N, C-alpha and C. Protein backbone atom coordinates (compact mmCIF):
# COMPACT_ATOMS: atom_id res chain seq x y z
N MET A 1 2.44 -24.87 -5.85
CA MET A 1 1.45 -24.08 -5.14
C MET A 1 1.85 -22.61 -5.19
N ALA A 2 0.92 -21.74 -5.51
CA ALA A 2 1.20 -20.31 -5.65
C ALA A 2 1.43 -19.68 -4.28
N THR A 3 2.34 -18.71 -4.26
CA THR A 3 2.60 -17.97 -3.03
C THR A 3 1.51 -16.91 -2.84
N THR A 4 1.48 -16.34 -1.66
CA THR A 4 0.51 -15.28 -1.36
C THR A 4 0.68 -14.12 -2.34
N LEU A 5 1.93 -13.74 -2.62
CA LEU A 5 2.20 -12.65 -3.55
C LEU A 5 1.71 -13.00 -4.96
N GLU A 6 1.98 -14.22 -5.40
CA GLU A 6 1.53 -14.63 -6.73
C GLU A 6 0.01 -14.61 -6.84
N ARG A 7 -0.68 -15.05 -5.80
CA ARG A 7 -2.15 -15.00 -5.80
C ARG A 7 -2.66 -13.57 -5.82
N ALA A 8 -1.98 -12.68 -5.08
CA ALA A 8 -2.39 -11.27 -5.06
C ALA A 8 -2.21 -10.64 -6.44
N LEU A 9 -1.09 -10.92 -7.09
CA LEU A 9 -0.85 -10.37 -8.43
C LEU A 9 -1.86 -10.90 -9.44
N ALA A 10 -2.14 -12.19 -9.38
CA ALA A 10 -3.13 -12.78 -10.28
C ALA A 10 -4.51 -12.19 -10.03
N SER A 11 -4.84 -11.97 -8.78
CA SER A 11 -6.13 -11.37 -8.43
C SER A 11 -6.24 -9.95 -8.95
N SER A 12 -5.14 -9.19 -8.87
CA SER A 12 -5.13 -7.82 -9.38
C SER A 12 -5.40 -7.79 -10.87
N ALA A 13 -4.73 -8.66 -11.62
CA ALA A 13 -4.93 -8.72 -13.06
C ALA A 13 -6.34 -9.19 -13.39
N ALA A 14 -6.82 -10.21 -12.68
CA ALA A 14 -8.16 -10.73 -12.94
C ALA A 14 -9.23 -9.68 -12.67
N THR A 15 -9.04 -8.88 -11.61
CA THR A 15 -10.01 -7.82 -11.29
C THR A 15 -10.06 -6.79 -12.41
N PHE A 16 -8.89 -6.39 -12.92
CA PHE A 16 -8.85 -5.44 -14.03
C PHE A 16 -9.61 -5.99 -15.22
N HIS A 17 -9.31 -7.23 -15.61
CA HIS A 17 -9.91 -7.78 -16.82
C HIS A 17 -11.39 -8.12 -16.64
N LYS A 18 -11.81 -8.38 -15.42
CA LYS A 18 -13.23 -8.61 -15.15
C LYS A 18 -14.02 -7.31 -15.34
N ARG A 19 -13.43 -6.20 -14.94
CA ARG A 19 -14.12 -4.91 -15.02
C ARG A 19 -13.96 -4.22 -16.37
N SER A 20 -12.83 -4.43 -17.04
CA SER A 20 -12.55 -3.69 -18.28
C SER A 20 -13.41 -4.19 -19.43
N GLY A 21 -13.61 -3.30 -20.38
CA GLY A 21 -14.28 -3.68 -21.62
C GLY A 21 -15.78 -3.62 -21.62
N LYS A 22 -16.39 -3.33 -20.49
CA LYS A 22 -17.85 -3.25 -20.48
C LYS A 22 -18.32 -1.99 -21.22
N GLU A 23 -17.52 -0.94 -21.12
CA GLU A 23 -17.82 0.34 -21.78
C GLU A 23 -16.63 0.70 -22.67
N GLY A 24 -16.69 0.38 -23.93
CA GLY A 24 -15.59 0.78 -24.82
C GLY A 24 -14.59 -0.33 -25.05
N TYR A 25 -13.33 0.01 -24.89
CA TYR A 25 -12.25 -0.90 -25.25
C TYR A 25 -12.09 -2.05 -24.27
N LYS A 26 -11.73 -3.22 -24.81
CA LYS A 26 -11.63 -4.44 -24.01
C LYS A 26 -10.56 -4.35 -22.93
N HIS A 27 -9.46 -3.69 -23.20
CA HIS A 27 -8.33 -3.65 -22.26
C HIS A 27 -8.17 -2.26 -21.63
N GLN A 28 -9.27 -1.57 -21.44
CA GLN A 28 -9.26 -0.24 -20.83
C GLN A 28 -10.40 -0.16 -19.82
N LEU A 29 -10.20 0.63 -18.78
CA LEU A 29 -11.26 0.92 -17.83
C LEU A 29 -11.76 2.33 -18.08
N SER A 30 -13.07 2.49 -18.16
CA SER A 30 -13.66 3.82 -18.27
C SER A 30 -13.87 4.37 -16.86
N LYS A 31 -14.27 5.62 -16.77
CA LYS A 31 -14.57 6.19 -15.45
C LYS A 31 -15.66 5.40 -14.75
N GLY A 32 -16.67 5.00 -15.49
CA GLY A 32 -17.75 4.21 -14.92
C GLY A 32 -17.27 2.87 -14.38
N GLU A 33 -16.39 2.23 -15.15
CA GLU A 33 -15.85 0.95 -14.70
C GLU A 33 -14.94 1.11 -13.49
N LEU A 34 -14.23 2.23 -13.43
CA LEU A 34 -13.38 2.50 -12.27
C LEU A 34 -14.21 2.62 -11.00
N LYS A 35 -15.41 3.18 -11.13
CA LYS A 35 -16.27 3.34 -9.96
C LYS A 35 -16.78 2.01 -9.45
N GLU A 36 -16.70 0.97 -10.27
CA GLU A 36 -17.12 -0.36 -9.85
C GLU A 36 -16.07 -1.07 -9.02
N LEU A 37 -14.86 -0.53 -8.99
CA LEU A 37 -13.79 -1.18 -8.22
C LEU A 37 -14.15 -1.17 -6.75
N PRO A 38 -13.48 -1.99 -5.97
CA PRO A 38 -13.84 -2.15 -4.56
C PRO A 38 -13.98 -0.82 -3.82
N SER A 39 -14.81 -0.84 -2.81
CA SER A 39 -15.10 0.38 -2.05
C SER A 39 -13.92 0.83 -1.20
N PHE A 40 -12.82 0.09 -1.26
CA PHE A 40 -11.63 0.46 -0.49
C PHE A 40 -11.25 1.92 -0.73
N MET A 41 -11.32 2.36 -1.99
CA MET A 41 -10.93 3.73 -2.29
C MET A 41 -11.78 4.72 -1.51
N GLY A 42 -13.07 4.47 -1.48
CA GLY A 42 -13.95 5.38 -0.77
C GLY A 42 -13.77 5.34 0.73
N GLU A 43 -13.35 4.20 1.24
CA GLU A 43 -13.18 4.06 2.68
C GLU A 43 -11.85 4.65 3.16
N GLN A 44 -10.81 4.54 2.34
CA GLN A 44 -9.48 4.97 2.76
C GLN A 44 -9.11 6.37 2.29
N LEU A 45 -9.72 6.83 1.21
CA LEU A 45 -9.40 8.13 0.65
C LEU A 45 -10.66 9.00 0.64
N ASP A 46 -10.50 10.27 0.95
CA ASP A 46 -11.66 11.14 0.83
C ASP A 46 -11.96 11.37 -0.65
N GLU A 47 -13.12 11.90 -0.94
CA GLU A 47 -13.58 12.07 -2.32
C GLU A 47 -12.60 12.91 -3.13
N HIS A 48 -12.12 14.00 -2.57
CA HIS A 48 -11.19 14.87 -3.31
C HIS A 48 -9.91 14.13 -3.65
N SER A 49 -9.33 13.41 -2.69
CA SER A 49 -8.08 12.69 -2.92
C SER A 49 -8.25 11.63 -3.99
N SER A 50 -9.35 10.89 -3.94
CA SER A 50 -9.55 9.85 -4.95
C SER A 50 -9.75 10.46 -6.33
N GLN A 51 -10.44 11.60 -6.42
CA GLN A 51 -10.63 12.25 -7.72
C GLN A 51 -9.31 12.76 -8.28
N VAL A 52 -8.47 13.34 -7.42
CA VAL A 52 -7.16 13.83 -7.86
C VAL A 52 -6.32 12.66 -8.36
N LEU A 53 -6.32 11.57 -7.62
CA LEU A 53 -5.55 10.39 -8.00
C LEU A 53 -6.02 9.86 -9.34
N LEU A 54 -7.32 9.72 -9.53
CA LEU A 54 -7.85 9.20 -10.79
C LEU A 54 -7.56 10.16 -11.94
N LYS A 55 -7.67 11.46 -11.70
CA LYS A 55 -7.40 12.42 -12.76
C LYS A 55 -5.95 12.35 -13.20
N ASP A 56 -5.04 12.21 -12.26
CA ASP A 56 -3.63 12.10 -12.58
C ASP A 56 -3.32 10.85 -13.40
N LEU A 57 -4.08 9.80 -13.19
CA LEU A 57 -3.80 8.53 -13.86
C LEU A 57 -4.47 8.39 -15.22
N GLU A 58 -5.51 9.14 -15.45
CA GLU A 58 -6.26 8.97 -16.70
C GLU A 58 -5.52 9.57 -17.89
N ASP A 59 -5.68 8.92 -19.01
CA ASP A 59 -5.20 9.48 -20.27
C ASP A 59 -6.20 10.53 -20.72
N LYS A 60 -5.87 11.24 -21.77
CA LYS A 60 -6.78 12.25 -22.30
C LYS A 60 -8.07 11.63 -22.81
N ASP A 61 -8.05 10.35 -23.11
CA ASP A 61 -9.25 9.70 -23.63
C ASP A 61 -10.20 9.22 -22.54
N LYS A 62 -9.91 9.59 -21.28
CA LYS A 62 -10.76 9.24 -20.13
C LYS A 62 -10.82 7.74 -19.89
N MET A 63 -9.77 7.05 -20.28
CA MET A 63 -9.69 5.61 -20.08
C MET A 63 -8.40 5.29 -19.31
N MET A 64 -8.40 4.17 -18.62
CA MET A 64 -7.24 3.74 -17.86
C MET A 64 -6.83 2.36 -18.34
N GLY A 65 -5.58 2.24 -18.80
CA GLY A 65 -5.05 0.95 -19.22
C GLY A 65 -4.50 0.18 -18.03
N PHE A 66 -4.00 -1.03 -18.30
CA PHE A 66 -3.51 -1.89 -17.23
C PHE A 66 -2.33 -1.26 -16.50
N GLU A 67 -1.42 -0.61 -17.22
CA GLU A 67 -0.26 0.02 -16.56
C GLU A 67 -0.71 1.10 -15.58
N GLU A 68 -1.65 1.93 -16.01
CA GLU A 68 -2.17 2.97 -15.11
C GLU A 68 -2.91 2.36 -13.92
N TYR A 69 -3.61 1.27 -14.17
CA TYR A 69 -4.31 0.56 -13.11
C TYR A 69 -3.32 0.05 -12.06
N MET A 70 -2.19 -0.47 -12.52
CA MET A 70 -1.18 -0.96 -11.59
C MET A 70 -0.57 0.19 -10.78
N VAL A 71 -0.43 1.37 -11.39
CA VAL A 71 0.04 2.55 -10.65
C VAL A 71 -1.00 2.91 -9.58
N LEU A 72 -2.27 2.83 -9.93
CA LEU A 72 -3.33 3.08 -8.96
C LEU A 72 -3.23 2.11 -7.79
N LEU A 73 -3.04 0.82 -8.08
CA LEU A 73 -2.90 -0.16 -7.01
C LEU A 73 -1.68 0.12 -6.14
N HIS A 74 -0.62 0.56 -6.78
CA HIS A 74 0.59 0.93 -6.02
C HIS A 74 0.28 2.08 -5.06
N CYS A 75 -0.39 3.11 -5.55
CA CYS A 75 -0.73 4.26 -4.71
C CYS A 75 -1.64 3.84 -3.56
N LEU A 76 -2.62 2.98 -3.85
CA LEU A 76 -3.51 2.51 -2.80
C LEU A 76 -2.76 1.65 -1.78
N SER A 77 -1.82 0.84 -2.25
CA SER A 77 -1.01 0.03 -1.34
C SER A 77 -0.17 0.91 -0.42
N MET A 78 0.38 1.98 -0.97
CA MET A 78 1.17 2.91 -0.16
C MET A 78 0.28 3.59 0.88
N ALA A 79 -0.93 3.99 0.49
CA ALA A 79 -1.85 4.61 1.44
C ALA A 79 -2.22 3.63 2.55
N CYS A 80 -2.43 2.38 2.19
CA CYS A 80 -2.76 1.35 3.17
C CYS A 80 -1.58 1.13 4.13
N ASN A 81 -0.38 1.09 3.59
CA ASN A 81 0.81 0.92 4.42
C ASN A 81 0.96 2.09 5.39
N ASP A 82 0.75 3.31 4.90
CA ASP A 82 0.84 4.48 5.77
C ASP A 82 -0.19 4.40 6.90
N PHE A 83 -1.40 3.99 6.55
CA PHE A 83 -2.46 3.84 7.55
C PHE A 83 -2.06 2.83 8.62
N CYS A 84 -1.55 1.69 8.17
CA CYS A 84 -1.14 0.63 9.11
C CYS A 84 0.01 1.07 9.99
N ALA A 85 0.96 1.81 9.41
CA ALA A 85 2.11 2.29 10.20
C ALA A 85 1.64 3.27 11.26
N LYS A 86 0.71 4.17 10.92
CA LYS A 86 0.19 5.13 11.89
C LYS A 86 -0.59 4.41 12.99
N ALA A 87 -1.38 3.43 12.60
CA ALA A 87 -2.16 2.67 13.59
C ALA A 87 -1.23 1.93 14.54
N GLN A 88 -0.18 1.34 14.01
CA GLN A 88 0.76 0.60 14.85
C GLN A 88 1.48 1.55 15.79
N ALA A 89 1.81 2.76 15.33
CA ALA A 89 2.48 3.73 16.19
C ALA A 89 1.56 4.13 17.35
N LEU A 90 0.27 4.22 17.09
CA LEU A 90 -0.69 4.58 18.13
C LEU A 90 -0.98 3.42 19.09
N LEU A 91 -1.06 2.23 18.54
CA LEU A 91 -1.46 1.06 19.33
C LEU A 91 -0.29 0.28 19.90
N GLY A 92 0.90 0.55 19.42
CA GLY A 92 2.06 -0.21 19.85
C GLY A 92 2.24 -1.44 18.98
N PRO A 93 3.29 -2.20 19.24
CA PRO A 93 3.56 -3.38 18.41
C PRO A 93 2.45 -4.41 18.56
N PRO A 94 2.22 -5.17 17.49
CA PRO A 94 1.18 -6.19 17.57
C PRO A 94 1.52 -7.25 18.61
N ARG A 95 0.47 -7.72 19.27
CA ARG A 95 0.67 -8.77 20.29
C ARG A 95 0.64 -10.13 19.63
N LYS A 96 1.39 -11.05 20.18
CA LYS A 96 1.44 -12.40 19.64
C LYS A 96 0.20 -13.17 20.07
N LEU A 97 -0.22 -14.06 19.21
CA LEU A 97 -1.35 -14.92 19.51
C LEU A 97 -0.84 -16.25 20.06
N ALA A 98 -1.47 -16.71 21.10
CA ALA A 98 -1.15 -18.03 21.65
C ALA A 98 -1.88 -19.08 20.84
N ALA A 99 -1.62 -20.31 21.11
CA ALA A 99 -2.33 -21.41 20.45
C ALA A 99 -3.82 -21.21 20.65
N GLY A 100 -4.58 -21.42 19.63
CA GLY A 100 -6.03 -21.25 19.71
C GLY A 100 -6.48 -19.84 19.38
N GLY A 101 -5.52 -18.94 19.05
CA GLY A 101 -5.86 -17.60 18.62
C GLY A 101 -6.12 -16.60 19.72
N THR A 102 -5.78 -16.94 20.98
CA THR A 102 -6.00 -16.00 22.07
C THR A 102 -4.79 -15.08 22.22
N VAL A 103 -5.03 -13.84 22.61
CA VAL A 103 -3.96 -12.86 22.79
C VAL A 103 -3.22 -13.14 24.08
N GLN A 104 -1.89 -13.13 24.01
CA GLN A 104 -1.07 -13.35 25.20
C GLN A 104 -0.92 -12.07 25.98
């Protein structure tokens, strides 16, 4: 049985390959294909930040390969972690759930 991490990694690769190749090369994402990725980027990053991030990752050919895509996922994961750490600092440590999912 696959672990949570293994499922997440497989999902990341599957998402790349599902989106890639519609415009141009089979193993590359175009700018248009990048915009099809989950709305997480738009929700967590402002427009300027997401554009800077994508510009830094793109090759001169305006395409993104799998390695660059994984760097993008790394950057998004770091942003998500920072968000969660700030939220936890504001809200305090998470409360434990009792049996049945109720907060203690």
